[in-house]
Structure formats: structure tokens, C-alpha cells
Amino acid sequence: MLERNQFSHQPLPVGRAQLDLAAKNRRKRNRLLLFIILAITAALLWKAILTFEPAAPYIDNTPVPPVTELHPIVFAKQTELIAETSKAGITILITDGFRSSEEQDAIYAKGRTTEGKVVTQVQGGHSYHNYGLAIDFALRTKQGEVVWDMKYDGNKNGKADWMEVVAIAKRLGFTWGGDWDNFPDYPHLQMDFGFSIRELRKGLRPPLE
């Protein structure tokens, strides 16, 4: 039995027709197999994209040494403040520097659960004193009396000694608690180095020099 060639219209041997049909079927199978492979690859790729998680950042879990004293830069600036105010004829007394969280809690309790008046709005771990980054000061009069009188003019230059101390402190890099709107803290001076309390509580610390 003969078949015709589709181009020449000449009869083809039966064996040739079978070979052409087999080749045509193989091409169909190959296309189908390629389609299946591409579909599976696309599905796997899409799944990989959906489930991709970036590498977690390295977290140093090394315990942060506890702060037990004033930061060295703050201590040095405190020394400069005492010297500069002395040159202006003003004697100041540093009434507080580093303060532990336990001490902070005790102060916070005043006027709340213990006798006294409220002097702070923050509990332990929430004050810059707890990280050695703040100091408090008072004035010492010519008679040796310690006062917190913001109008006192001991050097008789027509200016309040307190505000002269604040001006010198700001020039040295301190910020003044008296500038706070919500709860002014007039004896308070601090250097936070751009660190928030939240960052300090997480263990971040300013450089030591």
C-alpha cells in the first residue's frame, strides 16, 4: 500500500509514512515534556520567591558590662565646668552623677510610695544618670551654704549665677534639663551623645573617647 508525499504528490512507501508519523509523535511528546518541565520549574521558582527570607542580621549577644561610674568624657567635662565657673567667681557643687537603677527607683518612690515630694518622672533604667551621662549641680555661697536659688548672684555681676553655670555647661556640650517642657529639671545637665534611653536600655553605649 502506498501513501502520497504531501509536496510531490507522489506515493510514499508505507515504512516512510510510519517513520514520519513516529517523528511527529515524538515532537509532540517532547513539546509536552518541555511544557511540563517549564511549568514545574516556574512553580518551584515562585514557591522559592514566596518563602524567601533574608539572612537575619548578626546580633551580638555578649552581655554589656554594667555602668558603674560617669562616662569618662562626661567626667572630664564636669571637671572643666567646675574650673570654668570658678574663674567666673562661682562655686558649684556636683550633687549627683552616676546613679544606679536601684537608687533611681528609690528617688522615683518619693512623693508616691514614700515621704517627700516628687522629684523625677522616670524609674530605674530610664534616666541618663543610670548610664553615667548626667550630673546635677547646686551653688555654694560665700558662706559655704549649698543653695538651689536660681536668682542668686554671688559674684555680684548683675547676672544670676545659676544661668551663668548653665551657659558655661552648654558651651562645654551639656544639655540642660531646665529646657524641658514637660517636667523641667533645673539642676540637671547631661550628655547623651545622640543615644536615646531606648538604645541605652538595649545595650548600646557611646564611645569612651
Protein backbone atom coordinates (compact mmCIF):
# COMPACT_ATOMS: atom_id res chain seq x y z
CA MET A 1 0.00 0.00 0.00
CA LEU A 2 1.36 3.44 -0.89
CA GLU A 3 0.80 6.99 0.51
CA ARG A 4 1.34 10.22 -1.35
CA ASN A 5 4.11 12.68 -0.46
CA GLN A 6 2.42 15.99 0.59
CA PHE A 7 4.82 18.04 -1.53
CA SER A 8 5.34 15.98 -4.61
CA HIS A 9 2.00 14.14 -4.50
CA GLN A 10 4.00 11.03 -5.21
CA PRO A 11 3.15 7.86 -3.35
CA LEU A 12 5.39 7.16 -0.32
CA PRO A 13 6.37 3.81 0.88
CA VAL A 14 4.40 2.68 3.93
CA GLY A 15 7.62 2.49 6.02
CA ARG A 16 8.44 6.14 5.33
CA ALA A 17 4.97 7.28 6.36
CA GLN A 18 5.27 5.38 9.62
CA LEU A 19 8.65 6.97 10.33
CA ASP A 20 7.25 10.46 9.68
CA LEU A 21 4.28 9.77 11.98
CA ALA A 22 6.57 8.44 14.71
CA ALA A 23 8.78 11.54 14.43
CA LYS A 24 5.72 13.79 14.58
CA ASN A 25 4.52 11.99 17.72
CA ARG A 26 7.98 12.33 19.31
CA ARG A 27 7.95 16.07 18.67
CA LYS A 28 4.53 16.31 20.32
CA ARG A 29 5.77 14.34 23.32
CA ASN A 30 8.92 16.45 23.53
CA ARG A 31 6.88 19.66 23.44
CA LEU A 32 4.56 18.31 26.11
CA LEU A 33 7.51 17.22 28.25
CA LEU A 34 9.17 20.62 27.82
CA PHE A 35 5.93 22.35 28.82
CA ILE A 36 5.67 20.18 31.95
CA ILE A 37 9.31 20.85 32.88
CA LEU A 38 8.83 24.61 32.42
CA ALA A 39 5.62 24.55 34.47
CA ILE A 40 7.31 22.65 37.32
CA THR A 41 10.33 24.99 37.21
CA ALA A 42 8.09 28.08 37.32
CA ALA A 43 6.12 26.64 40.25
CA LEU A 44 9.30 25.86 42.20
CA LEU A 45 10.73 29.30 41.45
CA TRP A 46 7.52 31.01 42.57
CA LYS A 47 7.47 28.97 45.76
CA ALA A 48 11.10 29.91 46.44
CA ILE A 49 10.27 33.61 45.96
CA LEU A 50 7.28 33.43 48.30
CA THR A 51 9.17 31.59 51.03
CA PHE A 52 12.44 33.55 50.72
CA GLU A 53 13.65 35.04 53.99
CA PRO A 54 16.66 37.37 54.08
CA ALA A 55 19.53 36.34 56.27
CA ALA A 56 18.99 37.53 59.82
CA PRO A 57 21.43 40.27 60.86
CA TYR A 58 24.16 39.24 63.22
CA ILE A 59 23.24 40.03 66.80
CA ASP A 60 25.99 40.21 69.36
CA ASN A 61 24.60 38.63 72.50
CA THR A 62 27.68 39.40 74.54
CA PRO A 63 26.47 40.80 77.88
CA VAL A 64 27.03 44.55 78.21
CA PRO A 65 29.17 45.41 81.24
CA PRO A 66 27.11 47.34 83.79
CA VAL A 67 27.72 51.08 84.07
CA THR A 68 29.12 51.96 87.48
CA GLU A 69 30.52 55.47 87.04
CA LEU A 70 30.38 58.61 84.96
CA HIS A 71 31.32 58.29 81.30
CA PRO A 72 34.96 59.50 81.01
CA ILE A 73 34.06 62.34 78.65
CA VAL A 74 31.25 63.50 80.94
CA PHE A 75 33.62 63.31 83.90
CA ALA A 76 36.20 65.41 82.04
CA LYS A 77 33.58 68.00 81.08
CA GLN A 78 32.34 68.07 84.66
CA THR A 79 35.89 68.93 85.78
CA GLU A 80 36.05 71.70 83.15
CA LEU A 81 32.70 73.04 84.30
CA ILE A 82 33.90 73.34 87.89
CA ALA A 83 37.06 75.12 86.74
CA GLU A 84 35.28 77.49 84.30
CA THR A 85 32.61 78.51 86.79
CA SER A 86 35.29 79.08 89.43
CA LYS A 87 37.02 81.51 87.06
CA ALA A 88 33.71 83.37 86.84
CA GLY A 89 33.62 83.67 90.63
CA ILE A 90 31.01 80.93 91.06
CA THR A 91 31.44 77.84 93.20
CA ILE A 92 29.29 74.87 92.26
CA LEU A 93 28.76 71.53 93.94
CA ILE A 94 28.08 68.40 91.91
CA THR A 95 25.26 66.84 93.90
CA ASP A 96 24.75 63.76 91.74
CA GLY A 97 26.47 61.91 88.91
CA PHE A 98 26.17 58.22 88.15
CA ARG A 99 23.10 56.75 89.79
CA SER A 100 22.20 53.07 89.89
CA SER A 101 18.77 51.83 88.81
CA GLU A 102 18.05 50.94 92.43
CA GLU A 103 18.85 54.47 93.54
CA GLN A 104 16.69 55.80 90.72
CA ASP A 105 13.76 53.69 91.87
CA ALA A 106 14.19 54.99 95.42
CA ILE A 107 14.07 58.58 94.18
CA TYR A 108 11.07 57.80 92.00
CA ALA A 109 9.23 56.47 95.04
CA LYS A 110 9.46 59.86 96.79
CA GLY A 111 6.08 61.56 96.80
CA ARG A 112 4.48 58.36 95.56
CA THR A 113 5.04 55.46 97.95
CA THR A 114 7.43 57.19 100.37
CA GLU A 115 7.52 60.58 102.06
CA GLY A 116 8.75 63.64 100.23
CA LYS A 117 7.85 65.46 97.05
CA VAL A 118 8.03 64.13 93.50
CA VAL A 119 11.44 64.93 92.05
CA THR A 120 11.61 62.66 89.00
CA GLN A 121 9.28 61.22 86.41
CA VAL A 122 11.41 58.22 85.46
CA GLN A 123 12.11 54.88 87.08
CA GLY A 124 15.33 52.87 87.17
CA GLY A 125 16.92 52.34 83.76
CA HIS A 126 15.12 55.33 82.24
CA SER A 127 17.43 58.12 83.43
CA TYR A 128 20.68 59.24 81.80
CA HIS A 129 22.14 59.21 85.31
CA ASN A 130 21.83 55.40 85.21
CA TYR A 131 24.27 55.32 82.27
CA GLY A 132 26.79 57.81 83.65
CA LEU A 133 25.74 60.51 81.18
CA ALA A 134 24.27 63.13 83.52
CA ILE A 135 25.14 65.24 86.53
CA ASP A 136 23.21 67.53 88.88
CA PHE A 137 24.63 70.69 90.41
CA ALA A 138 23.93 73.29 93.09
CA LEU A 139 25.54 76.57 94.09
CA ARG A 140 27.73 77.12 97.11
CA THR A 141 27.50 80.58 98.65
CA LYS A 142 30.39 82.59 100.06
CA GLN A 143 29.31 81.39 103.49
CA GLY A 144 29.55 77.77 102.38
CA GLU A 145 25.81 77.21 102.19
CA VAL A 146 24.54 74.94 99.38
CA VAL A 147 21.59 76.53 97.56
CA TRP A 148 19.37 75.91 94.54
CA ASP A 149 18.44 79.58 94.25
CA MET A 150 18.26 80.37 90.53
CA LYS A 151 18.31 84.13 91.22
CA TYR A 152 21.37 84.13 93.48
CA ASP A 153 24.13 86.49 92.30
CA GLY A 154 27.14 85.59 94.41
CA ASN A 155 29.74 87.15 92.12
CA LYS A 156 27.81 90.44 92.01
CA ASN A 157 27.95 90.91 88.26
CA GLY A 158 24.23 91.52 87.82
CA LYS A 159 23.60 88.07 86.42
CA ALA A 160 22.11 85.04 88.12
CA ASP A 161 24.93 82.62 88.94
CA TRP A 162 22.69 79.67 88.06
CA MET A 163 22.18 80.78 84.48
CA GLU A 164 25.86 81.61 84.13
CA VAL A 165 26.62 78.00 85.07
CA VAL A 166 24.05 76.78 82.53
CA ALA A 167 25.59 78.92 79.78
CA ILE A 168 29.08 77.55 80.50
CA ALA A 169 27.73 73.99 80.65
CA LYS A 170 26.05 74.35 77.27
CA ARG A 171 29.26 75.71 75.78
CA LEU A 172 31.02 72.57 77.04
CA GLY A 173 28.48 70.32 75.32
CA PHE A 174 25.90 69.66 78.04
CA THR A 175 22.16 69.95 77.54
CA TRP A 176 20.11 71.46 80.36
CA GLY A 177 17.09 69.86 81.97
CA GLY A 178 15.63 73.30 82.52
CA ASP A 179 14.86 73.46 78.80
CA TRP A 180 12.45 70.51 79.04
CA ASP A 181 8.82 71.49 78.52
CA ASN A 182 7.04 68.61 80.24
CA PHE A 183 9.00 68.37 83.51
CA PRO A 184 11.87 70.91 83.78
CA ASP A 185 14.80 69.63 85.85
CA TYR A 186 16.81 72.76 86.62
CA PRO A 187 19.87 71.19 88.34
CA HIS A 188 20.21 68.55 85.58
CA LEU A 189 22.95 68.55 82.92
CA GLN A 190 23.50 65.67 80.51
CA MET A 191 25.47 64.48 77.51
CA ASP A 192 23.54 61.82 75.60
CA PHE A 193 25.88 61.63 72.57
CA GLY A 194 22.80 61.16 70.39
CA PHE A 195 21.70 57.99 72.20
CA SER A 196 18.10 57.60 73.30
CA ILE A 197 17.16 55.87 76.54
CA ARG A 198 15.66 53.08 74.44
CA GLU A 199 19.01 52.48 72.73
CA LEU A 200 20.87 52.58 76.02
CA ARG A 201 18.45 50.07 77.51
CA LYS A 202 19.18 47.77 74.56
CA GLY A 203 22.88 47.82 75.46
CA LEU A 204 24.21 50.45 73.06
CA ARG A 205 26.86 52.71 74.54
CA PRO A 206 28.63 55.89 73.37
CA PRO A 207 32.34 55.60 72.62
CA LEU A 208 34.63 56.14 75.57
CA GLU A 209 36.78 58.72 73.79
